[in-house]
C-alpha atoms as a PDB file:
ATOM      1  CA  MET A   1      -0.632  21.280 -13.462  1.00  0.00           C
ATOM      2  CA  LYS A   2       2.863  22.631 -14.161  1.00  0.00           C
ATOM      3  CA  ASP A   3       5.940  20.449 -14.089  1.00  0.00           C
ATOM      4  CA  VAL A   4       8.042  20.731 -10.984  1.00  0.00           C
ATOM      5  CA  PHE A   5      11.817  20.434 -10.685  1.00  0.00           C
ATOM      6  CA  LEU A   6      13.577  21.193  -7.393  1.00  0.00           C
ATOM      7  CA  GLU A   7      17.086  20.538  -6.138  1.00  0.00           C
ATOM      8  CA  LYS A   8      18.829  20.971  -2.821  1.00  0.00           C
ATOM      9  CA  ILE A   9      22.296  19.984  -1.664  1.00  0.00           C
ATOM     10  CA  VAL A  10      22.810  19.172   2.016  1.00  0.00           C
ATOM     11  CA  THR A  11      26.210  18.720   3.620  1.00  0.00           C
ATOM     12  CA  HIS A  12      26.276  15.935   6.190  1.00  0.00           C
ATOM     13  CA  ARG A  13      27.777  17.142   9.458  1.00  0.00           C
ATOM     14  CA  LYS A  14      30.698  15.053  10.677  1.00  0.00           C
ATOM     15  CA  SER A  15      30.161  12.756  13.631  1.00  0.00           C
ATOM     16  CA  PRO A  16      32.869  12.259  16.246  1.00  0.00           C
ATOM     17  CA  PHE A  17      33.589   8.849  14.706  1.00  0.00           C
ATOM     18  CA  GLU A  18      34.183  10.410  11.267  1.00  0.00           C
ATOM     19  CA  LEU A  19      36.538  12.982  12.795  1.00  0.00           C
ATOM     20  CA  PHE A  20      38.376  10.161  14.580  1.00  0.00           C
ATOM     21  CA  LEU A  21      38.623   8.271  11.264  1.00  0.00           C
ATOM     22  CA  LYS A  22      40.161  11.322   9.575  1.00  0.00           C
ATOM     23  CA  PHE A  23      42.677  11.681  12.396  1.00  0.00           C
ATOM     24  CA  MET A  24      43.589   7.991  12.174  1.00  0.00           C
ATOM     25  CA  ILE A  25      44.064   8.222   8.378  1.00  0.00           C
ATOM     26  CA  VAL A  26      46.523  11.082   8.786  1.00  0.00           C
ATOM     27  CA  LEU A  27      48.336   9.415  11.698  1.00  0.00           C
ATOM     28  CA  THR A  28      48.605   6.057   9.924  1.00  0.00           C
ATOM     29  CA  THR A  29      49.843   7.619   6.686  1.00  0.00           C
ATOM     30  CA  ILE A  30      52.559   9.608   8.472  1.00  0.00           C
ATOM     31  CA  THR A  31      53.623   6.612  10.586  1.00  0.00           C
ATOM     32  CA  VAL A  32      53.873   4.214   7.633  1.00  0.00           C
ATOM     33  CA  ILE A  33      55.835   6.749   5.571  1.00  0.00           C
ATOM     34  CA  LEU A  34      58.276   7.362   8.429  1.00  0.00           C
ATOM     35  CA  VAL A  35      58.774   3.673   9.175  1.00  0.00           C
ATOM     36  CA  VAL A  36      59.301   2.727   5.523  1.00  0.00           C
ATOM     37  CA  ASN A  37      61.639   5.646   4.732  1.00  0.00           C
ATOM     38  CA  LEU A  38      63.750   5.322   7.873  1.00  0.00           C
ATOM     39  CA  ASN A  39      64.188   1.562   7.388  1.00  0.00           C
ATOM     40  CA  VAL A  40      65.107   2.005   3.732  1.00  0.00           C
ATOM     41  CA  MET A  41      67.455   4.904   4.525  1.00  0.00           C
ATOM     42  CA  PHE A  42      69.429   2.950   7.128  1.00  0.00           C
ATOM     43  CA  TYR A  43      69.338  -0.597   5.756  1.00  0.00           C
ATOM     44  CA  ILE A  44      68.928  -0.398   1.949  1.00  0.00           C
ATOM     45  CA  PRO A  45      69.802   3.162   0.786  1.00  0.00           C
ATOM     46  CA  GLN A  46      69.816   2.043  -2.883  1.00  0.00           C
ATOM     47  CA  LEU A  47      66.010   1.700  -2.712  1.00  0.00           C
ATOM     48  CA  MET A  48      65.434   5.272  -1.515  1.00  0.00           C
ATOM     49  CA  PRO A  49      63.906   6.440  -4.850  1.00  0.00           C
ATOM     50  CA  LEU A  50      61.458   3.542  -4.672  1.00  0.00           C
ATOM     51  CA  ALA A  51      60.623   4.429  -1.059  1.00  0.00           C
ATOM     52  CA  LEU A  52      59.955   8.046  -2.074  1.00  0.00           C
ATOM     53  CA  MET A  53      57.609   6.924  -4.847  1.00  0.00           C
ATOM     54  CA  LEU A  54      55.854   4.657  -2.350  1.00  0.00           C
ATOM     55  CA  SER A  55      55.581   7.631   0.022  1.00  0.00           C
ATOM     56  CA  PHE A  56      53.929   9.774  -2.629  1.00  0.00           C
ATOM     57  CA  GLY A  57      51.521   6.916  -3.388  1.00  0.00           C
ATOM     58  CA  LEU A  58      50.659   6.612   0.310  1.00  0.00           C
ATOM     59  CA  VAL A  59      50.056  10.360   0.584  1.00  0.00           C
ATOM     60  CA  TYR A  60      47.714  10.182  -2.410  1.00  0.00           C
ATOM     61  CA  LEU A  61      45.888   7.157  -0.964  1.00  0.00           C
ATOM     62  CA  GLY A  62      45.548   8.955   2.385  1.00  0.00           C
ATOM     63  CA  TYR A  63      44.186  12.029   0.602  1.00  0.00           C
ATOM     64  CA  ARG A  64      41.591   9.973  -1.263  1.00  0.00           C
ATOM     65  CA  LEU A  65      40.495   8.207   1.921  1.00  0.00           C
ATOM     66  CA  PHE A  66      40.431  11.484   3.874  1.00  0.00           C
ATOM     67  CA  THR A  67      38.241  13.264   1.313  1.00  0.00           C
ATOM     68  CA  SER A  68      35.960  10.259   0.771  1.00  0.00           C
ATOM     69  CA  ILE A  69      34.586  10.840   4.280  1.00  0.00           C
ATOM     70  CA  ASN A  70      33.146  14.191   3.097  1.00  0.00           C
ATOM     71  CA  VAL A  71      29.532  13.412   2.196  1.00  0.00           C
ATOM     72  CA  GLU A  72      26.763  15.538   0.705  1.00  0.00           C
ATOM     73  CA  TYR A  73      23.259  14.584  -0.309  1.00  0.00           C
ATOM     74  CA  GLU A  74      21.393  16.040  -3.249  1.00  0.00           C
ATOM     75  CA  TYR A  75      17.615  15.977  -3.066  1.00  0.00           C
ATOM     76  CA  SER A  76      15.925  16.337  -6.424  1.00  0.00           C
ATOM     77  CA  LEU A  77      12.204  16.367  -6.991  1.00  0.00           C
ATOM     78  CA  THR A  78      10.806  15.975 -10.483  1.00  0.00           C
ATOM     79  CA  ASN A  79       7.033  16.218 -10.376  1.00  0.00           C
ATOM     80  CA  ASP A  80       6.181  13.513  -7.790  1.00  0.00           C
ATOM     81  CA  ASP A  81       9.496  11.586  -7.940  1.00  0.00           C
ATOM     82  CA  LEU A  82      11.968  12.229  -5.111  1.00  0.00           C
ATOM     83  CA  THR A  83      15.542  11.141  -5.784  1.00  0.00           C
ATOM     84  CA  ILE A  84      18.365  11.383  -3.262  1.00  0.00           C
ATOM     85  CA  GLU A  85      21.956  11.037  -4.421  1.00  0.00           C
ATOM     86  CA  ARG A  86      25.010  10.595  -2.214  1.00  0.00           C
ATOM     87  CA  ILE A  87      27.988  12.701  -3.284  1.00  0.00           C
ATOM     88  CA  SER A  88      31.301  11.496  -1.892  1.00  0.00           C
ATOM     89  CA  ALA A  89      34.297  13.880  -1.867  1.00  0.00           C
ATOM     90  CA  LYS A  90      32.529  16.097  -4.429  1.00  0.00           C
ATOM     91  CA  ARG A  91      33.586  13.537  -7.046  1.00  0.00           C
ATOM     92  CA  LYS A  92      31.390  10.500  -6.994  1.00  0.00           C
ATOM     93  CA  ARG A  93      27.580  10.375  -7.182  1.00  0.00           C
ATOM     94  CA  LYS A  94      25.341   7.462  -6.426  1.00  0.00           C
ATOM     95  CA  VAL A  95      21.541   7.303  -6.359  1.00  0.00           C
ATOM     96  CA  VAL A  96      20.684   5.993  -2.892  1.00  0.00           C
ATOM     97  CA  PHE A  97      16.935   6.544  -2.817  1.00  0.00           C
ATOM     98  CA  SER A  98      14.162   7.070  -5.340  1.00  0.00           C
ATOM     99  CA  ALA A  99      10.412   6.950  -4.819  1.00  0.00           C
ATOM    100  CA  SER A 100       7.155   8.609  -5.734  1.00  0.00           C
ATOM    101  CA  CYS A 101       5.672  11.103  -3.241  1.00  0.00           C
ATOM    102  CA  LYS A 102       2.371   9.305  -3.682  1.00  0.00           C
ATOM    103  CA  SER A 103       3.801   6.227  -1.937  1.00  0.00           C
ATOM    104  CA  PHE A 104       4.745   8.118   1.247  1.00  0.00           C
ATOM    105  CA  GLU A 105       2.695   6.980   4.213  1.00  0.00           C
ATOM    106  CA  ARG A 106       3.704   9.925   6.403  1.00  0.00           C
ATOM    107  CA  VAL A 107       5.873  13.031   6.042  1.00  0.00           C
ATOM    108  CA  ALA A 108       6.399  15.044   9.209  1.00  0.00           C
ATOM    109  CA  PRO A 109       9.034  16.692  11.419  1.00  0.00           C
ATOM    110  CA  ILE A 110      10.804  14.390  13.859  1.00  0.00           C
ATOM    111  CA  SER A 111       9.076  16.260  16.671  1.00  0.00           C
ATOM    112  CA  ASP A 112       5.844  14.592  15.509  1.00  0.00           C
ATOM    113  CA  PRO A 113       4.388  12.356  18.280  1.00  0.00           C
ATOM    114  CA  GLU A 114       3.953   9.541  15.760  1.00  0.00           C
ATOM    115  CA  TYR A 115       7.692   9.529  14.852  1.00  0.00           C
ATOM    116  CA  LEU A 116       8.912   7.110  17.532  1.00  0.00           C
ATOM    117  CA  ASN A 117       6.104   4.629  16.838  1.00  0.00           C
ATOM    118  CA  ARG A 118       6.908   4.691  13.124  1.00  0.00           C
ATOM    119  CA  LEU A 119      10.603   4.322  13.874  1.00  0.00           C
ATOM    120  CA  LYS A 120       9.991   1.242  16.028  1.00  0.00           C
ATOM    121  CA  SER A 121       7.930  -0.421  13.307  1.00  0.00           C
ATOM    122  CA  SER A 122      10.551   0.277  10.613  1.00  0.00           C
ATOM    123  CA  ALA A 123      12.704  -2.491   9.222  1.00  0.00           C
ATOM    124  CA  ALA A 124      15.102   0.084   7.759  1.00  0.00           C
ATOM    125  CA  PHE A 125      16.256   3.494   8.907  1.00  0.00           C
ATOM    126  CA  ILE A 126      18.203   5.747   6.545  1.00  0.00           C
ATOM    127  CA  ASP A 127      19.614   9.189   7.472  1.00  0.00           C
ATOM    128  CA  PHE A 128      20.049  11.602   4.535  1.00  0.00           C
ATOM    129  CA  SER A 129      19.986  14.711   6.738  1.00  0.00           C
ATOM    130  CA  SER A 130      22.658  17.194   7.774  1.00  0.00           C
ATOM    131  CA  SER A 131      22.198  16.010  11.386  1.00  0.00           C
ATOM    132  CA  ASP A 132      20.610  19.315  12.448  1.00  0.00           C
ATOM    133  CA  ARG A 133      17.661  18.069  14.539  1.00  0.00           C
ATOM    134  CA  GLU A 134      15.745  21.351  14.293  1.00  0.00           C
ATOM    135  CA  ILE A 135      15.220  21.053  10.549  1.00  0.00           C
ATOM    136  CA  THR A 136      15.066  17.256  10.229  1.00  0.00           C
ATOM    137  CA  TRP A 137      11.881  15.662   8.885  1.00  0.00           C
ATOM    138  CA  TYR A 138      11.074  12.046   8.225  1.00  0.00           C
ATOM    139  CA  ILE A 139       9.393  10.099   5.453  1.00  0.00           C
ATOM    140  CA  PHE A 140       7.765   6.801   6.343  1.00  0.00           C
ATOM    141  CA  LEU A 141       6.949   4.406   3.486  1.00  0.00           C
ATOM    142  CA  THR A 142       6.843   0.766   2.526  1.00  0.00           C
ATOM    143  CA  ARG A 143       9.327  -0.290  -0.154  1.00  0.00           C
ATOM    144  CA  GLY A 144       9.566  -3.861  -1.337  1.00  0.00           C
ATOM    145  CA  GLY A 145       7.439  -5.012   1.586  1.00  0.00           C
ATOM    146  CA  ARG A 146       9.756  -3.372   4.154  1.00  0.00           C
ATOM    147  CA  LYS A 147       8.707  -0.434   6.250  1.00  0.00           C
ATOM    148  CA  THR A 148      11.348   2.298   5.906  1.00  0.00           C
ATOM    149  CA  THR A 149      11.995   5.563   7.726  1.00  0.00           C
ATOM    150  CA  ILE A 150      14.059   8.193   5.927  1.00  0.00           C
ATOM    151  CA  LEU A 151      15.412  11.365   7.505  1.00  0.00           C
ATOM    152  CA  PHE A 152      15.917  14.472   5.383  1.00  0.00           C
ATOM    153  CA  ASP A 153      16.337  18.221   5.844  1.00  0.00           C
ATOM    154  CA  TYR A 154      13.293  20.461   5.728  1.00  0.00           C
ATOM    155  CA  ASP A 155      12.746  22.618   2.676  1.00  0.00           C
ATOM    156  CA  GLU A 156       9.456  24.415   2.293  1.00  0.00           C
ATOM    157  CA  ARG A 157       9.437  23.949  -1.494  1.00  0.00           C
ATOM    158  CA  PHE A 158       9.698  20.154  -1.178  1.00  0.00           C
ATOM    159  CA  ILE A 159       7.019  19.969   1.514  1.00  0.00           C
ATOM    160  CA  SER A 160       4.586  21.995  -0.600  1.00  0.00           C
ATOM    161  CA  VAL A 161       5.088  19.588  -3.531  1.00  0.00           C
ATOM    162  CA  PHE A 162       4.645  16.583  -1.217  1.00  0.00           C
ATOM    163  CA  GLN A 163       1.397  18.195  -0.050  1.00  0.00           C
ATOM    164  CA  ARG A 164       0.203  18.699  -3.590  1.00  0.00           C
ATOM    165  CA  TYR A 165       0.682  15.027  -4.529  1.00  0.00           C
ATOM    166  CA  ASN A 166      -0.114  13.423  -1.149  1.00  0.00           C
ATOM    167  CA  PRO A 167      -2.055  15.903   1.026  1.00  0.00           C
ATOM    168  CA  ARG A 168      -3.431  13.446   3.598  1.00  0.00           C
ATOM    169  CA  ASN A 169      -0.033  12.077   4.596  1.00  0.00           C
ATOM    170  CA  VAL A 170       1.915  15.327   5.090  1.00  0.00           C
ATOM    171  CA  VAL A 171       1.806  16.660   8.662  1.00  0.00           C
ATOM    172  CA  LEU A 172       2.972  20.267   9.063  1.00  0.00           C
ATOM    173  CA  THR A 173       3.170  20.586  12.861  1.00  0.00           C
END
């Protein structure tokens, strides 16, 4: 058997809450800068250079918070090992999931009739998908004694490798 190495990057679609958070970050940054600068300008004008430096610091902090909401997931498959990394703001990577395909109890689209039953019996639910329901699949497995359901985006190459290493537990319909 040949070695397999696959990668795929998925951009997580923003939820209304995440959009609200971004709006609040911008609004809060602008409000704090205005309040600080106006107070310093009218009451203690000698500290205006310090207030300007503080303003630049707040803008930078707001920028970092704003961009940290941008999340991507990288799926990488090396032989039978699936690794999912969370990429925040295109700067920071963190491995959030790693398991062997052989330990998957079920891999299927979320339209699978068994999906809701598996979801109810799960102790953990983790969403690594782009939030596009038409291409979302799930992996059901037991990790550390806890039943876990993981959502991910469909990719034919990954599914074919899952089938090669665990053919009985991959459902294609």
